[in-house]
């Protein structure tokens, strides 16, 4: 995801930017390879940083809620039994008499 956002700050051409945003300014934020002074690249990097902070913050809130409500982890009994058996009612692997997985 980051590369897609940052690459706009490098590869945005004057024609594409003008067509997309109908900007008549002399330098509305082209890519670094097309004569921009780095402003557009800086904006794109800032966007990646803000998206990362937002995602981490929202994830932290969600995980805290799950932890407080007791939904973040399974009990030790379920862990010892194995989640395949405790949640799905059977083993995911058939070891058979040989102790090896059979197809």
N, C-alpha and C. Protein backbone atom coordinates (compact mmCIF):
# COMPACT_ATOMS: atom_id res chain seq x y z
N UNK A 1 0.82 -1.18 0.00
CA UNK A 1 0.00 0.00 0.00
C UNK A 1 0.87 1.25 0.00
N UNK A 2 1.91 1.27 0.77
CA UNK A 2 2.73 2.47 0.87
C UNK A 2 3.33 2.86 -0.47
N UNK A 3 3.80 1.87 -1.23
CA UNK A 3 4.42 2.17 -2.50
C UNK A 3 3.43 2.84 -3.45
N UNK A 4 2.22 2.41 -3.46
CA UNK A 4 1.22 3.00 -4.34
C UNK A 4 0.97 4.46 -4.02
N UNK A 5 0.98 4.80 -2.76
CA UNK A 5 0.75 6.19 -2.36
C UNK A 5 1.99 7.03 -2.63
N UNK A 6 3.15 6.53 -2.24
CA UNK A 6 4.39 7.28 -2.40
C UNK A 6 4.74 7.45 -3.88
N UNK A 7 4.45 6.45 -4.70
CA UNK A 7 4.82 6.55 -6.11
C UNK A 7 4.12 7.71 -6.81
N UNK A 8 2.97 8.14 -6.33
CA UNK A 8 2.31 9.31 -6.90
C UNK A 8 3.20 10.54 -6.74
N UNK A 9 3.87 10.63 -5.62
CA UNK A 9 4.79 11.76 -5.39
C UNK A 9 6.02 11.71 -6.27
N UNK A 10 6.27 10.59 -6.90
CA UNK A 10 7.41 10.46 -7.79
C UNK A 10 7.02 10.53 -9.27
N UNK A 11 5.90 9.90 -9.63
CA UNK A 11 5.57 9.70 -11.04
C UNK A 11 4.41 10.51 -11.57
N UNK A 12 3.78 11.36 -10.77
CA UNK A 12 2.64 12.14 -11.25
C UNK A 12 3.10 13.14 -12.31
N UNK A 13 2.60 12.98 -13.52
CA UNK A 13 3.01 13.88 -14.61
C UNK A 13 2.15 15.14 -14.61
N UNK A 14 2.67 16.17 -15.28
CA UNK A 14 1.94 17.43 -15.36
C UNK A 14 0.62 17.23 -16.07
N UNK A 15 0.62 16.47 -17.17
CA UNK A 15 -0.59 16.23 -17.94
C UNK A 15 -1.65 15.50 -17.10
N UNK A 16 -1.23 14.43 -16.41
CA UNK A 16 -2.18 13.65 -15.61
C UNK A 16 -2.74 14.47 -14.46
N UNK A 17 -1.89 15.24 -13.80
CA UNK A 17 -2.34 16.06 -12.68
C UNK A 17 -3.30 17.14 -13.14
N UNK A 18 -2.97 17.81 -14.23
CA UNK A 18 -3.83 18.87 -14.76
C UNK A 18 -5.17 18.30 -15.23
N UNK A 19 -5.14 17.13 -15.86
CA UNK A 19 -6.37 16.51 -16.33
C UNK A 19 -7.25 16.08 -15.17
N UNK A 20 -6.65 15.52 -14.15
CA UNK A 20 -7.43 15.01 -13.01
C UNK A 20 -8.01 16.12 -12.15
N UNK A 21 -7.25 17.20 -11.97
CA UNK A 21 -7.67 18.23 -11.02
C UNK A 21 -7.95 19.57 -11.67
N UNK A 22 -7.83 19.68 -12.97
CA UNK A 22 -8.04 20.93 -13.73
C UNK A 22 -7.38 22.12 -13.04
N UNK A 23 -6.11 21.95 -12.72
CA UNK A 23 -5.34 23.00 -12.03
C UNK A 23 -4.60 23.82 -13.09
N UNK A 24 -4.66 25.12 -12.95
CA UNK A 24 -3.95 25.98 -13.90
C UNK A 24 -2.71 26.61 -13.26
N UNK A 25 -2.41 26.28 -12.01
CA UNK A 25 -1.23 26.79 -11.33
C UNK A 25 0.02 26.32 -12.06
N UNK A 26 1.11 27.04 -11.90
CA UNK A 26 2.34 26.68 -12.60
C UNK A 26 2.93 25.37 -12.09
N UNK A 27 2.75 25.03 -10.82
CA UNK A 27 3.27 23.78 -10.27
C UNK A 27 2.31 23.26 -9.19
N UNK A 28 1.27 22.58 -9.59
CA UNK A 28 0.27 22.12 -8.61
C UNK A 28 0.67 20.86 -7.86
N UNK A 29 1.87 20.36 -8.02
CA UNK A 29 2.29 19.17 -7.30
C UNK A 29 2.50 17.98 -8.20
N UNK A 30 3.46 18.09 -9.09
CA UNK A 30 3.78 16.97 -9.96
C UNK A 30 4.72 16.03 -9.21
N UNK A 31 5.01 14.91 -9.85
CA UNK A 31 5.93 13.95 -9.25
C UNK A 31 7.37 14.44 -9.27
N UNK A 32 8.18 13.88 -8.42
CA UNK A 32 9.58 14.27 -8.31
C UNK A 32 10.36 14.07 -9.58
N UNK A 33 9.99 13.10 -10.39
CA UNK A 33 10.67 12.86 -11.65
C UNK A 33 10.19 13.77 -12.77
N UNK A 34 9.18 14.62 -12.49
CA UNK A 34 8.62 15.49 -13.52
C UNK A 34 8.73 16.96 -13.13
N UNK A 35 9.72 17.30 -12.35
CA UNK A 35 10.00 18.70 -12.08
C UNK A 35 9.45 19.25 -10.78
N UNK A 36 8.87 18.43 -9.94
CA UNK A 36 8.36 18.94 -8.66
C UNK A 36 9.54 19.16 -7.72
N UNK A 37 9.37 20.07 -6.78
CA UNK A 37 10.44 20.35 -5.82
C UNK A 37 10.32 19.50 -4.55
N UNK A 38 9.54 18.44 -4.60
CA UNK A 38 9.43 17.53 -3.47
C UNK A 38 8.20 17.74 -2.61
N UNK A 39 7.43 18.74 -2.93
CA UNK A 39 6.24 19.03 -2.12
C UNK A 39 5.24 17.88 -2.22
N UNK A 40 4.95 17.43 -3.44
CA UNK A 40 3.97 16.35 -3.60
C UNK A 40 4.46 15.07 -2.94
N UNK A 41 5.75 14.77 -3.07
CA UNK A 41 6.31 13.58 -2.42
C UNK A 41 6.16 13.69 -0.90
N UNK A 42 6.42 14.86 -0.36
CA UNK A 42 6.25 15.08 1.09
C UNK A 42 4.81 14.89 1.53
N UNK A 43 3.88 15.38 0.72
CA UNK A 43 2.46 15.22 1.03
C UNK A 43 2.07 13.74 1.03
N UNK A 44 2.60 13.01 0.03
CA UNK A 44 2.28 11.58 -0.06
C UNK A 44 2.88 10.81 1.12
N UNK A 45 4.10 11.13 1.52
CA UNK A 45 4.72 10.46 2.67
C UNK A 45 3.95 10.79 3.95
N UNK A 46 3.54 12.04 4.09
CA UNK A 46 2.71 12.43 5.23
C UNK A 46 1.42 11.63 5.26
N UNK A 47 0.82 11.42 4.08
CA UNK A 47 -0.39 10.61 4.00
C UNK A 47 -0.16 9.19 4.48
N UNK A 48 0.97 8.59 4.09
CA UNK A 48 1.29 7.23 4.55
C UNK A 48 1.45 7.20 6.06
N UNK A 49 2.13 8.20 6.62
CA UNK A 49 2.32 8.25 8.07
C UNK A 49 0.98 8.39 8.79
N UNK A 50 0.12 9.26 8.29
CA UNK A 50 -1.19 9.46 8.94
C UNK A 50 -2.08 8.22 8.82
N UNK A 51 -2.05 7.56 7.67
CA UNK A 51 -2.83 6.33 7.51
C UNK A 51 -2.33 5.27 8.48
N UNK A 52 -1.00 5.16 8.63
CA UNK A 52 -0.42 4.19 9.55
C UNK A 52 -0.82 4.49 10.99
N UNK A 53 -0.73 5.76 11.39
CA UNK A 53 -1.12 6.14 12.76
C UNK A 53 -2.60 5.86 13.01
N UNK A 54 -3.45 6.19 12.05
CA UNK A 54 -4.89 5.95 12.19
C UNK A 54 -5.17 4.45 12.33
N UNK A 55 -4.55 3.64 11.48
CA UNK A 55 -4.78 2.20 11.51
C UNK A 55 -4.30 1.60 12.82
N UNK A 56 -3.12 1.99 13.27
CA UNK A 56 -2.59 1.47 14.54
C UNK A 56 -3.47 1.91 15.71
N UNK A 57 -3.90 3.16 15.70
CA UNK A 57 -4.75 3.66 16.78
C UNK A 57 -6.09 2.93 16.84
N UNK A 58 -6.74 2.77 15.70
CA UNK A 58 -8.03 2.07 15.68
C UNK A 58 -7.87 0.60 16.06
N UNK A 59 -6.78 -0.02 15.62
CA UNK A 59 -6.53 -1.42 15.98
C UNK A 59 -6.30 -1.55 17.48
N UNK A 60 -5.54 -0.63 18.06
CA UNK A 60 -5.29 -0.67 19.50
C UNK A 60 -6.59 -0.55 20.28
N UNK A 61 -7.46 0.34 19.86
CA UNK A 61 -8.76 0.50 20.54
C UNK A 61 -9.57 -0.78 20.43
N UNK A 62 -9.60 -1.37 19.23
CA UNK A 62 -10.37 -2.60 19.03
C UNK A 62 -9.81 -3.74 19.90
N UNK A 63 -8.49 -3.89 19.92
CA UNK A 63 -7.90 -4.96 20.71
C UNK A 63 -8.09 -4.74 22.21
N UNK A 64 -8.06 -3.49 22.65
CA UNK A 64 -8.31 -3.21 24.07
C UNK A 64 -9.74 -3.59 24.44
N UNK A 65 -10.70 -3.26 23.58
CA UNK A 65 -12.09 -3.62 23.84
C UNK A 65 -12.24 -5.14 23.90
N UNK A 66 -11.62 -5.85 22.96
CA UNK A 66 -11.67 -7.31 22.97
C UNK A 66 -11.05 -7.88 24.24
N UNK A 67 -9.95 -7.29 24.70
CA UNK A 67 -9.28 -7.77 25.91
C UNK A 67 -10.14 -7.52 27.14
N UNK A 68 -10.71 -6.34 27.24
CA UNK A 68 -11.54 -6.00 28.40
C UNK A 68 -12.79 -6.88 28.47
N UNK A 69 -13.38 -7.19 27.32
CA UNK A 69 -14.58 -8.01 27.30
C UNK A 69 -14.28 -9.51 27.38
N UNK A 70 -12.98 -9.87 27.38
CA UNK A 70 -12.60 -11.27 27.51
C UNK A 70 -12.74 -12.05 26.21
N UNK A 71 -12.78 -11.37 25.08
CA UNK A 71 -12.96 -12.04 23.80
C UNK A 71 -11.67 -12.14 23.00
N UNK A 72 -10.56 -11.66 23.56
CA UNK A 72 -9.31 -11.62 22.82
C UNK A 72 -8.61 -12.97 22.78
N UNK A 73 -8.73 -13.74 23.86
CA UNK A 73 -8.06 -15.04 23.93
C UNK A 73 -9.06 -16.12 24.29
N UNK A 74 -8.70 -17.35 23.95
CA UNK A 74 -9.51 -18.49 24.36
C UNK A 74 -9.03 -18.95 25.72
N UNK A 75 -9.83 -19.77 26.40
CA UNK A 75 -9.44 -20.25 27.72
C UNK A 75 -8.29 -21.25 27.61
N UNK A 76 -7.62 -21.49 28.73
CA UNK A 76 -6.50 -22.45 28.74
C UNK A 76 -6.99 -23.86 28.41
N UNK A 77 -8.21 -24.20 28.84
CA UNK A 77 -8.75 -25.53 28.54
C UNK A 77 -8.91 -25.72 27.03
N UNK A 78 -9.44 -24.70 26.37
CA UNK A 78 -9.61 -24.79 24.92
C UNK A 78 -8.26 -24.83 24.21
N UNK A 79 -7.29 -24.10 24.75
CA UNK A 79 -5.96 -24.12 24.18
C UNK A 79 -5.32 -25.50 24.30
N UNK A 80 -5.46 -26.10 25.49
CA UNK A 80 -4.89 -27.44 25.71
C UNK A 80 -5.57 -28.49 24.84
N UNK A 81 -6.88 -28.38 24.70
CA UNK A 81 -7.62 -29.35 23.90
C UNK A 81 -7.29 -29.18 22.42
N UNK A 82 -7.03 -27.96 22.02
CA UNK A 82 -6.79 -27.64 20.62
C UNK A 82 -8.01 -26.95 20.05
N UNK A 83 -7.80 -25.89 19.32
CA UNK A 83 -8.92 -25.10 18.82
C UNK A 83 -9.73 -25.84 17.76
N UNK A 84 -9.10 -26.76 17.03
CA UNK A 84 -9.86 -27.54 16.05
C UNK A 84 -10.95 -28.33 16.74
N UNK A 85 -10.60 -28.98 17.82
CA UNK A 85 -11.58 -29.81 18.54
C UNK A 85 -12.58 -28.96 19.31
N UNK A 86 -12.10 -27.93 20.01
CA UNK A 86 -13.00 -27.15 20.86
C UNK A 86 -13.94 -26.25 20.06
N UNK A 87 -13.50 -25.75 18.92
CA UNK A 87 -14.34 -24.82 18.15
C UNK A 87 -15.01 -25.47 16.94
N UNK A 88 -14.40 -26.51 16.40
CA UNK A 88 -14.93 -27.10 15.17
C UNK A 88 -15.39 -28.54 15.33
N UNK A 89 -15.17 -29.11 16.50
CA UNK A 89 -15.68 -30.44 16.78
C UNK A 89 -14.88 -31.58 16.18
N UNK A 90 -13.67 -31.35 15.77
CA UNK A 90 -12.85 -32.43 15.23
C UNK A 90 -11.46 -31.95 14.92
N UNK A 91 -10.57 -32.91 14.68
CA UNK A 91 -9.20 -32.57 14.39
C UNK A 91 -9.05 -32.20 12.92
N UNK A 92 -8.16 -31.28 12.64
CA UNK A 92 -7.92 -30.87 11.26
C UNK A 92 -7.02 -31.87 10.55
N UNK A 93 -6.28 -32.66 11.31
CA UNK A 93 -5.33 -33.60 10.73
C UNK A 93 -5.63 -35.01 11.22
N UNK A 94 -5.59 -35.95 10.32
CA UNK A 94 -5.81 -37.36 10.67
C UNK A 94 -4.44 -38.02 10.76
N UNK A 95 -3.97 -38.27 11.97
CA UNK A 95 -2.66 -38.86 12.16
C UNK A 95 -2.69 -40.38 12.04
N UNK A 96 -3.85 -40.99 12.22
CA UNK A 96 -3.98 -42.43 12.07
C UNK A 96 -3.08 -43.18 13.05
N UNK A 97 -2.88 -44.47 12.80
CA UNK A 97 -2.08 -45.31 13.69
C UNK A 97 -0.58 -45.04 13.55
N UNK A 98 -0.16 -44.52 12.42
CA UNK A 98 1.29 -44.32 12.18
C UNK A 98 1.81 -43.06 12.81
N UNK A 99 0.96 -42.15 13.19
CA UNK A 99 1.39 -40.89 13.76
C UNK A 99 1.75 -39.87 12.69
N UNK A 100 1.54 -40.23 11.43
CA UNK A 100 1.82 -39.29 10.32
C UNK A 100 0.51 -38.87 9.68
N UNK A 101 0.53 -37.71 9.10
CA UNK A 101 -0.68 -37.18 8.47
C UNK A 101 -0.98 -38.02 7.23
N UNK A 102 -2.26 -38.44 7.12
CA UNK A 102 -2.68 -39.18 5.93
C UNK A 102 -3.57 -38.30 5.09
N UNK A 103 -3.54 -38.51 3.81
CA UNK A 103 -4.30 -37.66 2.89
C UNK A 103 -5.76 -37.99 2.87
